Protein backbone atom coordinates (compact mmCIF):
# COMPACT_ATOMS: atom_id res chain seq x y z
CA MET A 1 64.13 108.37 167.43
CA LYS A 2 62.12 107.99 164.44
CA ILE A 3 63.75 110.27 160.84
CA THR A 4 61.78 111.25 157.67
CA ARG A 5 62.91 109.84 154.60
CA SER A 6 64.37 113.68 153.36
CA GLN A 7 66.32 113.79 156.64
CA LEU A 8 67.28 110.27 156.11
CA LYS A 9 68.99 111.06 152.57
CA GLN A 10 70.76 114.37 154.15
CA LEU A 11 72.93 112.52 156.21
CA ILE A 12 73.57 109.85 154.04
CA LYS A 13 74.66 112.48 151.33
CA GLU A 14 76.84 113.98 154.43
CA GLU A 15 78.40 110.93 155.18
CA MET A 16 79.42 110.68 151.81
CA ARG A 17 81.14 113.62 151.56
CA LYS A 18 83.21 113.67 153.82
CA PRO A 19 87.06 112.69 153.32
CA LYS A 20 87.43 108.54 154.02
CA GLU A 21 90.96 107.51 154.70
CA TRP A 22 93.32 105.71 153.03
CA LYS A 23 96.03 103.58 154.11
CA TYR A 24 99.93 104.31 152.37
CA ASP A 25 100.70 100.75 151.84
CA TYR A 26 97.39 100.58 150.27
CA LEU A 27 98.04 102.63 147.91
CA VAL A 28 101.15 101.99 146.53
CA ASP A 29 100.20 98.30 146.57
CA GLU A 30 97.02 99.20 144.56
CA HIS A 31 98.85 102.27 141.94
CA GLY A 32 102.29 101.53 142.36
CA ALA A 33 105.06 104.20 143.22
CA ASP A 34 107.75 106.33 141.74
CA GLU A 35 110.95 106.69 142.45
CA HIS A 36 110.49 108.43 145.92
CA GLY A 37 108.15 105.80 146.89
CA VAL A 38 105.47 108.07 146.75
CA PRO A 39 102.11 106.80 145.34
CA LYS A 40 101.46 107.46 141.61
CA LEU A 41 97.99 109.56 143.07
CA THR A 42 97.89 113.16 143.09
CA ILE A 43 99.40 114.11 146.85
CA ASN A 44 98.46 117.32 148.22
CA ILE A 45 100.57 118.22 151.21
CA SER A 46 99.80 120.80 153.86
CA ASP A 47 101.59 123.47 155.76
CA ASP A 48 101.22 121.08 158.58
CA ASN A 49 102.27 117.89 156.48
CA VAL A 50 98.99 115.94 156.37
CA TRP A 51 98.47 114.12 153.43
CA THR A 52 95.32 113.88 151.20
CA LEU A 53 94.61 112.58 147.42
CA GLY A 54 94.24 115.16 144.90
CA PRO A 55 91.94 114.88 141.52
CA SER A 56 92.48 111.36 140.84
CA PRO A 57 90.42 110.76 137.80
CA GLY A 58 89.25 107.15 137.05
CA ALA A 59 89.99 106.27 140.72
CA PRO A 60 87.81 105.30 143.37
CA TYR A 61 88.44 108.64 145.88
CA THR A 62 87.03 111.66 146.85
CA TYR A 63 89.45 114.80 146.31
CA GLY A 64 90.61 115.38 149.93
CA ASP A 65 90.34 112.04 151.04
CA ILE A 66 93.34 111.66 153.76
CA ILE A 67 96.30 109.18 154.07
CA THR A 68 97.38 107.81 156.36
CA ASP A 69 99.96 106.28 157.93
CA VAL A 70 102.90 107.73 155.94
CA PRO A 71 106.22 106.83 156.90
CA ASP A 72 108.11 109.18 158.35
CA HIS A 73 110.72 108.87 156.26
CA ILE A 74 109.27 110.44 153.19
CA LYS A 75 107.29 112.56 154.94
C-alpha cells in the first residue's frame, strides 16, 4: 500500500496527539513524591479512577497522558 507525503504527515500528527502511557514508579523516580506518595506533577483523576497527567510545564509529557500501575493503596 502506498501513501502520499501528506497522508504520512497526517498519520504522524495523529500519532503525536495520542495519549502516551507512563508507569507510576517511573514518574515517582523522576520527579519525587509528596507526603502521600503521589508524583510531584499535576495529576487529574477521573470519576472512574483513571489517572492522567495535567499541565506540567517543562516536563516531557502531554496533557492527558495516562498513568499506569498506580498502587491500589494510593488510589
